[in-house]
N, C-alpha and C. Protein backbone atom coordinates (compact mmCIF):
# COMPACT_ATOMS: atom_id res chain seq x y z
N MET A 1 -7.81 -7.35 -17.57
CA MET A 1 -6.75 -7.56 -16.61
C MET A 1 -6.26 -9.00 -16.73
N ASN A 2 -4.95 -9.19 -16.71
CA ASN A 2 -4.38 -10.52 -16.80
C ASN A 2 -4.76 -11.36 -15.60
N SER A 3 -4.66 -12.69 -15.75
CA SER A 3 -4.94 -13.55 -14.61
C SER A 3 -3.79 -13.52 -13.61
N LYS A 4 -2.61 -13.07 -14.04
CA LYS A 4 -1.47 -12.93 -13.14
C LYS A 4 -1.19 -11.45 -12.92
N LEU A 5 -1.02 -11.10 -11.67
CA LEU A 5 -0.78 -9.71 -11.32
C LEU A 5 0.42 -9.66 -10.39
N ALA A 6 1.48 -9.00 -10.82
CA ALA A 6 2.67 -8.84 -9.98
C ALA A 6 2.60 -7.48 -9.30
N ILE A 7 2.66 -7.51 -7.97
CA ILE A 7 2.62 -6.29 -7.17
C ILE A 7 3.95 -6.16 -6.45
N VAL A 8 4.57 -5.01 -6.56
CA VAL A 8 5.78 -4.72 -5.81
C VAL A 8 5.38 -3.81 -4.66
N GLN A 9 5.66 -4.24 -3.44
CA GLN A 9 5.35 -3.44 -2.26
C GLN A 9 6.68 -3.02 -1.64
N TYR A 10 6.82 -1.70 -1.38
CA TYR A 10 8.12 -1.21 -0.93
C TYR A 10 7.95 0.00 -0.03
N ASN A 11 8.64 -0.02 1.12
CA ASN A 11 8.69 1.16 1.97
C ASN A 11 9.95 1.91 1.62
N CYS A 12 9.78 3.10 1.10
CA CYS A 12 10.91 3.92 0.64
C CYS A 12 11.63 4.63 1.77
N GLY A 13 10.98 4.76 2.91
CA GLY A 13 11.60 5.53 3.98
C GLY A 13 11.91 6.95 3.53
N ASN A 14 11.00 7.53 2.73
CA ASN A 14 11.15 8.89 2.19
C ASN A 14 12.35 9.03 1.26
N ALA A 15 12.75 7.93 0.59
CA ALA A 15 13.95 7.99 -0.24
C ALA A 15 13.74 7.51 -1.67
N ASN A 16 12.49 7.49 -2.17
CA ASN A 16 12.30 7.00 -3.54
C ASN A 16 12.84 7.96 -4.58
N HIS A 17 13.18 9.18 -4.18
CA HIS A 17 13.76 10.13 -5.13
C HIS A 17 15.23 9.83 -5.39
N ASP A 18 15.90 9.09 -4.51
CA ASP A 18 17.31 8.79 -4.77
C ASP A 18 17.65 7.32 -4.50
N LYS A 19 17.58 6.85 -3.26
CA LYS A 19 18.03 5.50 -2.94
C LYS A 19 17.17 4.41 -3.57
N ALA A 20 15.87 4.59 -3.61
CA ALA A 20 14.99 3.57 -4.17
C ALA A 20 14.79 3.73 -5.68
N ARG A 21 15.21 4.84 -6.21
CA ARG A 21 14.98 5.11 -7.63
C ARG A 21 15.55 4.04 -8.56
N PRO A 22 16.78 3.55 -8.34
CA PRO A 22 17.29 2.49 -9.23
C PRO A 22 16.40 1.23 -9.22
N LEU A 23 15.87 0.88 -8.06
CA LEU A 23 14.96 -0.27 -8.00
C LEU A 23 13.71 0.01 -8.83
N PHE A 24 13.09 1.16 -8.62
CA PHE A 24 11.88 1.49 -9.37
C PHE A 24 12.16 1.54 -10.87
N ASP A 25 13.28 2.12 -11.26
CA ASP A 25 13.61 2.22 -12.68
C ASP A 25 13.90 0.86 -13.31
N SER A 26 14.26 -0.12 -12.49
CA SER A 26 14.56 -1.46 -13.03
C SER A 26 13.30 -2.30 -13.24
N LEU A 27 12.17 -1.85 -12.72
CA LEU A 27 10.94 -2.63 -12.84
C LEU A 27 10.40 -2.57 -14.27
N ASP A 28 9.83 -3.68 -14.69
CA ASP A 28 9.27 -3.81 -16.03
C ASP A 28 7.76 -3.60 -15.95
N PRO A 29 7.23 -2.51 -16.52
CA PRO A 29 5.79 -2.26 -16.41
C PRO A 29 4.92 -3.32 -17.07
N ALA A 30 5.49 -4.15 -17.93
CA ALA A 30 4.72 -5.24 -18.52
C ALA A 30 4.59 -6.41 -17.55
N ARG A 31 5.50 -6.51 -16.58
CA ARG A 31 5.47 -7.59 -15.59
C ARG A 31 5.01 -7.11 -14.22
N HIS A 32 5.53 -5.98 -13.78
CA HIS A 32 5.23 -5.43 -12.46
C HIS A 32 4.16 -4.36 -12.63
N LEU A 33 2.92 -4.79 -12.56
CA LEU A 33 1.82 -3.91 -12.93
C LEU A 33 1.47 -2.87 -11.87
N ILE A 34 1.71 -3.21 -10.62
CA ILE A 34 1.37 -2.30 -9.52
C ILE A 34 2.58 -2.15 -8.60
N ILE A 35 2.88 -0.91 -8.23
CA ILE A 35 3.87 -0.64 -7.20
C ILE A 35 3.12 0.04 -6.06
N ALA A 36 3.14 -0.58 -4.90
CA ALA A 36 2.50 -0.03 -3.70
C ALA A 36 3.61 0.49 -2.79
N VAL A 37 3.61 1.79 -2.54
CA VAL A 37 4.71 2.43 -1.83
C VAL A 37 4.23 2.96 -0.49
N GLN A 38 5.08 2.78 0.53
CA GLN A 38 4.87 3.43 1.81
C GLN A 38 6.00 4.42 2.01
N GLU A 39 5.70 5.52 2.66
CA GLU A 39 6.63 6.61 2.94
C GLU A 39 7.31 7.16 1.68
N PRO A 40 6.52 7.56 0.68
CA PRO A 40 7.14 8.18 -0.49
C PRO A 40 7.71 9.55 -0.14
N PHE A 41 8.78 9.91 -0.80
CA PHE A 41 9.37 11.23 -0.61
C PHE A 41 8.51 12.26 -1.33
N PHE A 42 8.15 13.32 -0.65
CA PHE A 42 7.34 14.39 -1.26
C PHE A 42 8.27 15.47 -1.77
N ARG A 43 8.21 15.71 -3.08
CA ARG A 43 9.00 16.78 -3.68
C ARG A 43 8.18 18.06 -3.63
N GLY A 44 8.54 18.94 -2.71
CA GLY A 44 7.76 20.14 -2.46
C GLY A 44 7.57 21.04 -3.67
N ARG A 45 8.63 21.27 -4.42
CA ARG A 45 8.52 22.15 -5.60
C ARG A 45 7.61 21.57 -6.66
N GLN A 46 7.74 20.27 -6.91
CA GLN A 46 6.92 19.62 -7.93
C GLN A 46 5.54 19.25 -7.40
N GLY A 47 5.42 19.11 -6.08
CA GLY A 47 4.15 18.73 -5.48
C GLY A 47 3.79 17.28 -5.75
N ASP A 48 4.81 16.41 -5.84
CA ASP A 48 4.54 15.00 -6.10
C ASP A 48 5.69 14.16 -5.54
N THR A 49 5.77 12.92 -5.99
CA THR A 49 6.87 12.03 -5.62
C THR A 49 7.39 11.39 -6.90
N TYR A 50 8.58 10.81 -6.83
CA TYR A 50 9.16 10.20 -8.02
C TYR A 50 8.32 9.01 -8.48
N CYS A 51 8.15 8.90 -9.77
CA CYS A 51 7.43 7.78 -10.38
C CYS A 51 8.19 7.36 -11.64
N PRO A 52 8.50 6.07 -11.79
CA PRO A 52 9.25 5.64 -12.98
C PRO A 52 8.44 5.78 -14.27
N ARG A 53 9.15 5.80 -15.37
CA ARG A 53 8.50 5.91 -16.68
C ARG A 53 7.56 4.73 -16.90
N ASN A 54 6.52 4.99 -17.65
CA ASN A 54 5.51 4.00 -18.02
C ASN A 54 4.64 3.54 -16.85
N TYR A 55 4.64 4.33 -15.78
CA TYR A 55 3.72 4.13 -14.66
C TYR A 55 2.96 5.44 -14.44
N THR A 56 1.77 5.32 -13.90
CA THR A 56 0.98 6.48 -13.52
C THR A 56 0.98 6.57 -12.00
N LEU A 57 1.40 7.71 -11.49
CA LEU A 57 1.39 7.94 -10.05
C LEU A 57 -0.02 8.33 -9.63
N THR A 58 -0.51 7.67 -8.59
CA THR A 58 -1.83 8.02 -8.08
C THR A 58 -1.76 8.08 -6.56
N TYR A 59 -1.91 9.32 -6.05
CA TYR A 59 -1.92 9.52 -4.60
C TYR A 59 -2.36 10.94 -4.29
N GLU A 60 -2.62 11.17 -3.02
CA GLU A 60 -2.98 12.50 -2.55
C GLU A 60 -1.68 13.26 -2.32
N ALA A 61 -1.38 14.20 -3.18
CA ALA A 61 -0.10 14.91 -3.15
C ALA A 61 -0.04 15.85 -1.95
N SER A 62 0.62 15.38 -0.90
CA SER A 62 0.76 16.16 0.33
C SER A 62 1.98 15.63 1.08
N PRO A 63 2.68 16.49 1.80
CA PRO A 63 3.81 16.01 2.59
C PRO A 63 3.39 15.01 3.67
N ASN A 64 2.11 15.00 4.04
CA ASN A 64 1.62 14.10 5.09
C ASN A 64 1.22 12.72 4.56
N THR A 65 1.05 12.58 3.26
CA THR A 65 0.60 11.32 2.68
C THR A 65 1.72 10.29 2.76
N LYS A 66 1.40 9.12 3.31
CA LYS A 66 2.40 8.08 3.54
C LYS A 66 2.21 6.83 2.68
N VAL A 67 1.25 6.84 1.76
CA VAL A 67 1.06 5.71 0.85
C VAL A 67 0.72 6.22 -0.54
N CYS A 68 1.18 5.48 -1.54
CA CYS A 68 0.80 5.79 -2.91
C CYS A 68 0.87 4.53 -3.75
N PHE A 69 0.28 4.61 -4.92
CA PHE A 69 0.35 3.54 -5.91
C PHE A 69 0.96 4.10 -7.18
N MET A 70 1.68 3.24 -7.88
CA MET A 70 2.15 3.53 -9.23
C MET A 70 1.60 2.40 -10.09
N VAL A 71 0.79 2.75 -11.06
CA VAL A 71 0.07 1.77 -11.87
C VAL A 71 0.68 1.74 -13.26
N SER A 72 1.03 0.55 -13.72
CA SER A 72 1.60 0.41 -15.05
C SER A 72 0.62 0.92 -16.10
N ARG A 73 1.16 1.57 -17.10
CA ARG A 73 0.31 2.05 -18.20
C ARG A 73 -0.16 0.90 -19.08
N GLU A 74 0.29 -0.31 -18.77
CA GLU A 74 -0.24 -1.51 -19.44
C GLU A 74 -1.69 -1.76 -19.02
N ILE A 75 -2.09 -1.22 -17.88
CA ILE A 75 -3.47 -1.35 -17.40
C ILE A 75 -4.24 -0.12 -17.86
N ASP A 76 -5.30 -0.33 -18.57
CA ASP A 76 -6.14 0.76 -19.07
C ASP A 76 -6.63 1.60 -17.89
N ALA A 77 -6.46 2.90 -17.98
CA ALA A 77 -6.85 3.80 -16.89
C ALA A 77 -8.35 3.70 -16.56
N ALA A 78 -9.15 3.26 -17.51
CA ALA A 78 -10.59 3.10 -17.26
C ALA A 78 -10.87 1.87 -16.38
N CYS A 79 -9.86 1.04 -16.15
CA CYS A 79 -10.05 -0.20 -15.39
C CYS A 79 -9.60 -0.10 -13.94
N TRP A 80 -9.20 1.07 -13.51
CA TRP A 80 -8.77 1.20 -12.12
C TRP A 80 -9.16 2.56 -11.55
N SER A 81 -9.25 2.59 -10.21
CA SER A 81 -9.50 3.84 -9.49
C SER A 81 -8.86 3.74 -8.12
N ARG A 82 -8.51 4.90 -7.56
CA ARG A 82 -7.90 4.95 -6.23
C ARG A 82 -8.76 5.80 -5.32
N LYS A 83 -8.82 5.39 -4.06
CA LYS A 83 -9.51 6.19 -3.05
C LYS A 83 -8.60 6.31 -1.84
N GLN A 84 -8.47 7.52 -1.33
CA GLN A 84 -7.64 7.79 -0.17
C GLN A 84 -8.50 7.76 1.08
N TYR A 85 -8.00 7.12 2.14
CA TYR A 85 -8.71 7.03 3.41
C TYR A 85 -7.89 7.69 4.51
N GLY A 86 -7.35 8.84 4.24
CA GLY A 86 -6.46 9.52 5.17
C GLY A 86 -5.03 9.37 4.69
N PRO A 87 -4.09 9.98 5.39
CA PRO A 87 -2.71 9.99 4.90
C PRO A 87 -2.02 8.63 4.91
N ASP A 88 -2.54 7.68 5.70
CA ASP A 88 -1.85 6.40 5.88
C ASP A 88 -2.52 5.21 5.20
N VAL A 89 -3.64 5.42 4.53
CA VAL A 89 -4.37 4.30 3.91
C VAL A 89 -4.94 4.75 2.57
N ALA A 90 -4.73 3.91 1.55
CA ALA A 90 -5.34 4.14 0.24
C ALA A 90 -5.73 2.79 -0.35
N ALA A 91 -6.73 2.81 -1.21
CA ALA A 91 -7.18 1.58 -1.87
C ALA A 91 -7.16 1.78 -3.38
N LEU A 92 -6.71 0.76 -4.07
CA LEU A 92 -6.71 0.75 -5.53
C LEU A 92 -7.66 -0.35 -5.97
N ARG A 93 -8.68 0.02 -6.73
CA ARG A 93 -9.65 -0.96 -7.22
C ARG A 93 -9.38 -1.22 -8.69
N LEU A 94 -9.21 -2.49 -9.02
CA LEU A 94 -8.99 -2.92 -10.40
C LEU A 94 -10.21 -3.70 -10.87
N ARG A 95 -10.69 -3.35 -12.06
CA ARG A 95 -11.86 -4.01 -12.62
C ARG A 95 -11.49 -4.66 -13.95
N GLY A 96 -11.72 -5.97 -14.02
CA GLY A 96 -11.51 -6.70 -15.26
C GLY A 96 -12.84 -7.15 -15.81
N GLU A 97 -12.80 -7.90 -16.89
CA GLU A 97 -14.05 -8.37 -17.50
C GLU A 97 -14.83 -9.28 -16.56
N GLU A 98 -14.12 -10.11 -15.81
CA GLU A 98 -14.80 -11.07 -14.94
C GLU A 98 -14.44 -10.94 -13.47
N HIS A 99 -13.45 -10.13 -13.14
CA HIS A 99 -12.96 -10.06 -11.77
C HIS A 99 -12.81 -8.62 -11.30
N GLU A 100 -12.92 -8.47 -9.99
CA GLU A 100 -12.57 -7.20 -9.35
C GLU A 100 -11.59 -7.51 -8.24
N LEU A 101 -10.69 -6.57 -8.01
CA LEU A 101 -9.68 -6.72 -6.98
C LEU A 101 -9.47 -5.37 -6.32
N THR A 102 -9.39 -5.37 -4.99
CA THR A 102 -9.07 -4.16 -4.25
C THR A 102 -7.78 -4.39 -3.49
N ILE A 103 -6.82 -3.49 -3.70
CA ILE A 103 -5.54 -3.54 -2.99
C ILE A 103 -5.54 -2.38 -2.00
N ILE A 104 -5.40 -2.70 -0.72
CA ILE A 104 -5.39 -1.68 0.32
C ILE A 104 -3.95 -1.53 0.81
N ASN A 105 -3.43 -0.32 0.69
CA ASN A 105 -2.05 0.01 1.02
C ASN A 105 -2.04 0.79 2.33
N VAL A 106 -1.27 0.29 3.32
CA VAL A 106 -1.29 0.87 4.67
C VAL A 106 0.12 1.21 5.13
N TYR A 107 0.25 2.34 5.78
CA TYR A 107 1.46 2.67 6.53
C TYR A 107 1.03 2.99 7.95
N ASN A 108 1.59 2.25 8.90
CA ASN A 108 1.31 2.48 10.32
C ASN A 108 2.57 3.05 10.95
N PRO A 109 2.59 4.35 11.24
CA PRO A 109 3.80 4.95 11.79
C PRO A 109 4.16 4.38 13.16
N ARG A 110 5.43 4.24 13.40
CA ARG A 110 5.91 3.84 14.73
C ARG A 110 5.67 4.99 15.69
N GLY A 111 5.39 4.66 16.92
CA GLY A 111 5.29 5.68 17.95
C GLY A 111 3.95 6.39 18.01
N ARG A 112 3.00 6.02 17.14
CA ARG A 112 1.68 6.65 17.18
C ARG A 112 0.62 5.65 17.62
N ARG A 113 1.00 4.71 18.43
CA ARG A 113 0.05 3.71 18.89
C ARG A 113 -0.83 4.31 19.98
N ASN A 114 -2.05 3.83 20.04
CA ASN A 114 -2.94 4.35 21.07
C ASN A 114 -3.06 3.37 22.23
N ALA A 115 -3.77 3.76 23.25
CA ALA A 115 -3.86 2.97 24.47
C ALA A 115 -4.61 1.66 24.27
N ASN A 116 -5.38 1.53 23.20
CA ASN A 116 -6.14 0.30 22.95
C ASN A 116 -5.31 -0.77 22.26
N VAL A 117 -4.03 -0.56 22.11
CA VAL A 117 -3.12 -1.50 21.47
C VAL A 117 -3.66 -1.90 20.10
N GLU A 118 -3.83 -0.92 19.27
CA GLU A 118 -4.28 -1.21 17.92
C GLU A 118 -3.52 -0.35 16.93
N ILE A 119 -3.58 -0.74 15.71
CA ILE A 119 -2.94 0.01 14.65
C ILE A 119 -3.62 1.36 14.55
N GLN A 120 -2.83 2.41 14.48
CA GLN A 120 -3.34 3.79 14.50
C GLN A 120 -4.41 4.04 13.45
N ALA A 121 -4.22 3.52 12.25
CA ALA A 121 -5.13 3.81 11.14
C ALA A 121 -6.24 2.76 11.02
N TRP A 122 -6.53 2.05 12.11
CA TRP A 122 -7.48 0.94 11.99
C TRP A 122 -8.85 1.39 11.48
N LYS A 123 -9.34 2.55 11.88
CA LYS A 123 -10.65 3.01 11.41
C LYS A 123 -10.64 3.21 9.90
N GLN A 124 -9.54 3.74 9.37
CA GLN A 124 -9.43 3.94 7.92
C GLN A 124 -9.31 2.60 7.20
N ILE A 125 -8.56 1.67 7.79
CA ILE A 125 -8.43 0.34 7.20
C ILE A 125 -9.80 -0.33 7.16
N ASP A 126 -10.53 -0.24 8.26
CA ASP A 126 -11.86 -0.85 8.34
C ASP A 126 -12.79 -0.26 7.27
N LYS A 127 -12.75 1.05 7.10
CA LYS A 127 -13.59 1.69 6.07
C LYS A 127 -13.19 1.21 4.67
N ALA A 128 -11.89 1.12 4.42
CA ALA A 128 -11.42 0.63 3.11
C ALA A 128 -11.86 -0.81 2.88
N LEU A 129 -11.81 -1.63 3.92
CA LEU A 129 -12.27 -3.02 3.80
C LEU A 129 -13.77 -3.08 3.52
N GLN A 130 -14.54 -2.23 4.17
CA GLN A 130 -15.99 -2.19 3.93
C GLN A 130 -16.30 -1.76 2.50
N ASP A 131 -15.53 -0.82 1.96
CA ASP A 131 -15.77 -0.31 0.61
C ASP A 131 -15.22 -1.23 -0.48
N ALA A 132 -14.36 -2.17 -0.11
CA ALA A 132 -13.66 -3.00 -1.09
C ALA A 132 -14.63 -3.86 -1.89
N ALA A 133 -14.24 -4.12 -3.13
CA ALA A 133 -15.03 -4.98 -4.01
C ALA A 133 -14.14 -6.12 -4.51
N GLY A 134 -14.74 -7.28 -4.70
CA GLY A 134 -14.00 -8.42 -5.23
C GLY A 134 -13.01 -8.97 -4.22
N GLU A 135 -11.95 -9.57 -4.75
CA GLU A 135 -10.89 -10.08 -3.89
C GLU A 135 -10.17 -8.90 -3.25
N ILE A 136 -9.59 -9.12 -2.06
CA ILE A 136 -8.93 -8.04 -1.33
C ILE A 136 -7.51 -8.46 -0.99
N ILE A 137 -6.58 -7.55 -1.25
CA ILE A 137 -5.20 -7.71 -0.79
C ILE A 137 -4.92 -6.55 0.15
N LEU A 138 -4.56 -6.87 1.38
CA LEU A 138 -4.20 -5.87 2.38
C LEU A 138 -2.69 -5.96 2.54
N LEU A 139 -2.00 -4.87 2.22
CA LEU A 139 -0.54 -4.88 2.29
C LEU A 139 -0.03 -3.57 2.85
N GLY A 140 1.25 -3.53 3.15
CA GLY A 140 1.84 -2.29 3.61
C GLY A 140 2.89 -2.52 4.68
N ASP A 141 3.22 -1.45 5.35
CA ASP A 141 4.16 -1.48 6.46
C ASP A 141 3.35 -1.17 7.71
N PHE A 142 3.05 -2.21 8.47
CA PHE A 142 2.23 -2.06 9.66
C PHE A 142 3.06 -1.73 10.90
N ASN A 143 4.38 -1.80 10.78
CA ASN A 143 5.27 -1.54 11.91
C ASN A 143 4.83 -2.29 13.16
N CYS A 144 4.39 -3.50 12.97
CA CYS A 144 4.10 -4.38 14.10
C CYS A 144 4.68 -5.74 13.75
N HIS A 145 5.34 -6.32 14.70
CA HIS A 145 6.16 -7.50 14.42
C HIS A 145 5.58 -8.75 15.06
N HIS A 146 5.80 -9.87 14.36
CA HIS A 146 5.26 -11.14 14.82
C HIS A 146 6.07 -12.27 14.20
N PRO A 147 6.27 -13.37 14.91
CA PRO A 147 7.02 -14.50 14.36
C PRO A 147 6.39 -15.09 13.09
N ARG A 148 5.07 -14.93 12.91
CA ARG A 148 4.43 -15.50 11.71
C ARG A 148 4.98 -14.89 10.43
N TRP A 149 5.38 -13.63 10.47
CA TRP A 149 5.93 -13.02 9.26
C TRP A 149 7.36 -12.54 9.43
N GLY A 150 7.89 -12.57 10.63
CA GLY A 150 9.26 -12.12 10.84
C GLY A 150 10.23 -13.22 11.23
N GLY A 151 9.71 -14.44 11.40
CA GLY A 151 10.57 -15.55 11.79
C GLY A 151 10.50 -15.83 13.27
N PRO A 152 11.01 -16.99 13.68
CA PRO A 152 10.85 -17.45 15.07
C PRO A 152 11.57 -16.60 16.11
N THR A 153 12.53 -15.80 15.72
CA THR A 153 13.27 -15.00 16.70
C THR A 153 12.67 -13.61 16.91
N VAL A 154 11.63 -13.28 16.17
CA VAL A 154 11.01 -11.96 16.27
C VAL A 154 10.04 -11.93 17.44
N ALA A 155 10.15 -10.89 18.25
CA ALA A 155 9.23 -10.73 19.38
C ALA A 155 7.84 -10.36 18.88
N THR A 156 6.83 -10.85 19.57
CA THR A 156 5.45 -10.55 19.22
C THR A 156 5.04 -9.23 19.85
N GLU A 157 4.45 -8.35 19.05
CA GLU A 157 3.93 -7.09 19.55
C GLU A 157 2.42 -7.17 19.64
N PRO A 158 1.81 -6.50 20.62
CA PRO A 158 0.35 -6.58 20.80
C PRO A 158 -0.43 -6.16 19.56
N GLU A 159 0.06 -5.16 18.82
CA GLU A 159 -0.64 -4.72 17.62
C GLU A 159 -0.71 -5.84 16.59
N ALA A 160 0.35 -6.64 16.51
CA ALA A 160 0.38 -7.75 15.56
C ALA A 160 -0.64 -8.81 15.94
N GLU A 161 -0.75 -9.09 17.23
CA GLU A 161 -1.75 -10.07 17.69
C GLU A 161 -3.16 -9.60 17.34
N ARG A 162 -3.43 -8.32 17.56
CA ARG A 162 -4.77 -7.80 17.23
C ARG A 162 -5.01 -7.85 15.73
N LEU A 163 -4.01 -7.50 14.94
CA LEU A 163 -4.15 -7.57 13.49
C LEU A 163 -4.47 -8.99 13.05
N LEU A 164 -3.77 -9.96 13.58
CA LEU A 164 -4.04 -11.36 13.24
C LEU A 164 -5.46 -11.77 13.63
N ARG A 165 -5.90 -11.39 14.83
CA ARG A 165 -7.25 -11.74 15.29
C ARG A 165 -8.31 -11.14 14.37
N VAL A 166 -8.16 -9.87 14.04
CA VAL A 166 -9.16 -9.20 13.20
C VAL A 166 -9.20 -9.83 11.81
N LEU A 167 -8.04 -10.09 11.23
CA LEU A 167 -8.00 -10.69 9.90
C LEU A 167 -8.52 -12.13 9.92
N TRP A 168 -8.19 -12.86 10.97
CA TRP A 168 -8.68 -14.23 11.11
C TRP A 168 -10.21 -14.23 11.21
N ASP A 169 -10.75 -13.33 12.02
CA ASP A 169 -12.21 -13.24 12.18
C ASP A 169 -12.90 -12.83 10.88
N ALA A 170 -12.22 -12.01 10.08
CA ALA A 170 -12.80 -11.55 8.81
C ALA A 170 -12.78 -12.64 7.75
N GLY A 171 -11.95 -13.64 7.96
CA GLY A 171 -11.88 -14.75 7.00
C GLY A 171 -10.89 -14.48 5.95
């Protein structure tokens, strides 16, 4: 695995089959090694989602699955694996000669918040973090807003505060 890894993270809003397709097709698999997608469009007849040439689609093929990875074929298939932690969380583990990296891809649907003011998929995220090896990148669409990542005019949501506290405590 190269010392530089370019990851493209994108929420398709169920439109990677048409609206997001030009973006995906413009990516260079030699430079953009990982595409982490939230809300991929599920093609019922094919039983999958759109994936650009020279990438390998890896996800749980279901209309309920809200995250997937597309891995450049520049990365040897023996050097990576994916694990699904429910429809909204998946982890991609990359193994190099000297390094390991786990990328955790999350989609937190709007409107499915619980009374404890936490991200709906927190148990799955926690399990993925426990299983992770090496360096960890946690990314995705958390649908929780905060000035730290949305700018000074963005209102703070309770889920964002909890996410910050948990990540801060984890180091």
